[in-house]
C-alpha cells in the first residue's frame, strides 16, 4: 500500500470511531435514540477503540515489520467488534422489566464502529508493506 493510502485509511478509521462514539445513535426505540454512553459496558468499546487508534498511529509513524503491532491491532480490533456486537444485543436492558411497545432497531453507530475498526486494522496491516513514491 502507498503511504498516502495507509494514512487516509487510518484517519478514516479514527474519524469513524469518533463519530460513532460521540454522534451517532447505536439503537432506536421508536423515535428515541440510544447513544453509546447509555449502554452498560460502553467503556470497553471506547477503551479498545482508543487503544486501536494509538496502535495504528504507532504503526504508521514508525513503519516496519513488527509483528506484535499487527497482533495488537488484530486483538484490539476483535475486542472492538465484539463489544459492538454485544451492545447491539443488549438493547433490552434500557427499559428494565417494562415491555416496550416498540421493538428496538439497530442504529448507525454500531456498523460505523465496526467499519472504523476494520479500517484501522487495514491501515496497520498496510503499514507493514509501505511503498514509497520514487518521484519528488
Protein backbone atom coordinates (compact mmCIF):
# COMPACT_ATOMS: atom_id res chain seq x y z
CA UNK A 1 0.00 0.00 0.00
CA UNK A 2 1.19 3.52 -0.59
CA UNK A 3 1.96 5.75 2.35
CA UNK A 4 -0.86 8.15 1.49
CA UNK A 5 -3.47 5.39 1.26
CA UNK A 6 -2.41 3.95 4.62
CA UNK A 7 -2.67 7.37 6.26
CA UNK A 8 -6.07 8.11 4.69
CA UNK A 9 -7.42 4.74 5.84
CA UNK A 10 -6.05 5.32 9.36
CA UNK A 11 -7.63 8.77 9.58
CA UNK A 12 -10.91 7.38 8.26
CA UNK A 13 -10.83 4.69 10.96
CA UNK A 14 -10.14 7.21 13.72
CA UNK A 15 -12.80 9.60 12.44
CA UNK A 16 -15.33 6.79 12.12
CA UNK A 17 -14.68 5.64 15.69
CA UNK A 18 -15.05 9.20 16.99
CA UNK A 19 -18.25 9.85 15.04
CA UNK A 20 -19.72 6.51 16.11
CA UNK A 21 -18.86 7.11 19.76
CA UNK A 22 -19.98 10.71 20.06
CA UNK A 23 -22.50 11.47 17.37
CA UNK A 24 -24.47 8.50 16.10
CA UNK A 25 -27.22 6.58 17.86
CA UNK A 26 -26.50 2.88 18.37
CA UNK A 27 -30.11 1.82 18.70
CA UNK A 28 -33.59 3.23 18.24
CA UNK A 29 -36.66 2.71 20.38
CA UNK A 30 -39.25 4.19 18.09
CA UNK A 31 -38.22 7.86 17.96
CA UNK A 32 -35.87 7.62 20.96
CA UNK A 33 -32.20 7.44 20.00
CA UNK A 34 -29.93 5.40 22.28
CA UNK A 35 -26.33 6.60 22.23
CA UNK A 36 -23.18 4.71 23.15
CA UNK A 37 -22.89 6.03 26.69
CA UNK A 38 -26.31 4.65 27.57
CA UNK A 39 -25.13 1.06 27.08
CA UNK A 40 -23.75 -0.79 30.08
CA UNK A 41 -20.11 -1.58 29.43
CA UNK A 42 -19.65 1.15 26.82
CA UNK A 43 -16.22 1.87 28.31
CA UNK A 44 -14.94 -1.43 26.89
CA UNK A 45 -15.66 -0.26 23.35
CA UNK A 46 -14.27 3.21 23.98
CA UNK A 47 -11.07 1.88 25.54
CA UNK A 48 -10.48 -0.68 22.80
CA UNK A 49 -11.15 1.89 20.08
CA UNK A 50 -8.74 4.41 21.61
CA UNK A 51 -6.01 1.78 22.01
CA UNK A 52 -6.59 0.52 18.47
CA UNK A 53 -6.10 4.03 17.11
CA UNK A 54 -2.96 4.54 19.23
CA UNK A 55 -1.51 1.28 17.87
CA UNK A 56 -2.49 2.33 14.35
CA UNK A 57 -0.75 5.69 14.75
CA UNK A 58 2.34 3.97 16.12
CA UNK A 59 2.45 1.56 13.21
CA UNK A 60 2.25 4.43 10.72
CA UNK A 61 4.69 6.80 12.42
CA UNK A 62 7.38 4.14 12.75
CA UNK A 63 6.76 1.73 9.85
CA UNK A 64 8.40 -1.65 9.88
CA UNK A 65 7.74 -5.33 10.08
CA UNK A 66 6.94 -5.55 13.78
CA UNK A 67 4.62 -8.49 14.16
CA UNK A 68 3.48 -7.56 17.65
CA UNK A 69 1.80 -4.38 16.37
CA UNK A 70 -0.17 -6.39 13.86
CA UNK A 71 -1.19 -8.83 16.59
CA UNK A 72 -2.10 -6.00 18.97
CA UNK A 73 -4.19 -4.26 16.30
CA UNK A 74 -5.91 -7.51 15.43
CA UNK A 75 -6.69 -8.24 19.06
CA UNK A 76 -7.96 -4.74 19.77
CA UNK A 77 -9.98 -4.78 16.56
CA UNK A 78 -11.62 -8.05 17.57
CA UNK A 79 -12.36 -6.68 21.07
CA UNK A 80 -13.88 -3.56 19.47
CA UNK A 81 -16.06 -5.55 17.09
CA UNK A 82 -17.17 -8.00 19.81
CA UNK A 83 -18.07 -5.07 22.08
CA UNK A 84 -20.23 -3.61 19.32
CA UNK A 85 -21.98 -6.93 18.69
CA UNK A 86 -22.64 -7.46 22.42
CA UNK A 87 -24.02 -3.93 22.78
CA UNK A 88 -26.38 -4.31 19.83
CA UNK A 89 -27.81 -7.41 21.52
CA UNK A 90 -28.08 -5.57 24.83
CA UNK A 91 -30.81 -3.13 23.82
CA UNK A 92 -33.45 -4.75 26.01
CA UNK A 93 -31.62 -3.60 29.15
CA UNK A 94 -32.72 0.02 28.91
CA UNK A 95 -36.29 -0.34 30.00
CA UNK A 96 -35.78 -2.98 32.69
CA UNK A 97 -38.91 -5.02 33.41
CA UNK A 98 -41.05 -2.74 31.22
CA UNK A 99 -42.03 -4.37 27.94
CA UNK A 100 -41.67 -1.80 25.16
CA UNK A 101 -44.47 -1.27 22.69
CA UNK A 102 -41.82 -0.62 20.05
CA UNK A 103 -39.18 -3.16 19.12
CA UNK A 104 -35.63 -1.73 19.25
CA UNK A 105 -33.77 -1.43 15.97
CA UNK A 106 -30.09 -1.08 15.20
CA UNK A 107 -28.82 2.46 14.72
CA UNK A 108 -25.91 3.51 12.51
CA UNK A 109 -23.39 3.79 15.38
CA UNK A 110 -22.58 0.08 15.62
CA UNK A 111 -21.98 -0.54 11.90
CA UNK A 112 -19.87 2.63 11.63
CA UNK A 113 -17.81 1.48 14.63
CA UNK A 114 -17.21 -1.92 13.00
CA UNK A 115 -16.16 -0.29 9.71
CA UNK A 116 -13.85 2.07 11.62
CA UNK A 117 -12.18 -0.87 13.40
CA UNK A 118 -11.73 -2.70 10.10
CA UNK A 119 -10.21 0.43 8.54
CA UNK A 120 -7.74 0.81 11.41
CA UNK A 121 -6.73 -2.85 11.21
CA UNK A 122 -6.27 -2.48 7.44
CA UNK A 123 -4.04 0.55 7.98
CA UNK A 124 -1.84 -1.37 10.43
CA UNK A 125 -1.58 -4.32 8.06
CA UNK A 126 -0.82 -2.00 5.15
CA UNK A 127 1.84 -0.10 7.11
CA UNK A 128 3.97 -3.23 7.17
CA UNK A 129 4.29 -3.10 3.40
CA UNK A 130 4.65 0.59 2.63
CA UNK A 131 5.78 1.59 -0.82
CA UNK A 132 7.39 4.98 -1.11
CA UNK A 133 6.95 7.08 -4.22
CA UNK A 134 10.04 7.47 -6.39
CA UNK A 135 9.05 10.95 -7.53
CA UNK A 136 9.81 14.04 -5.51
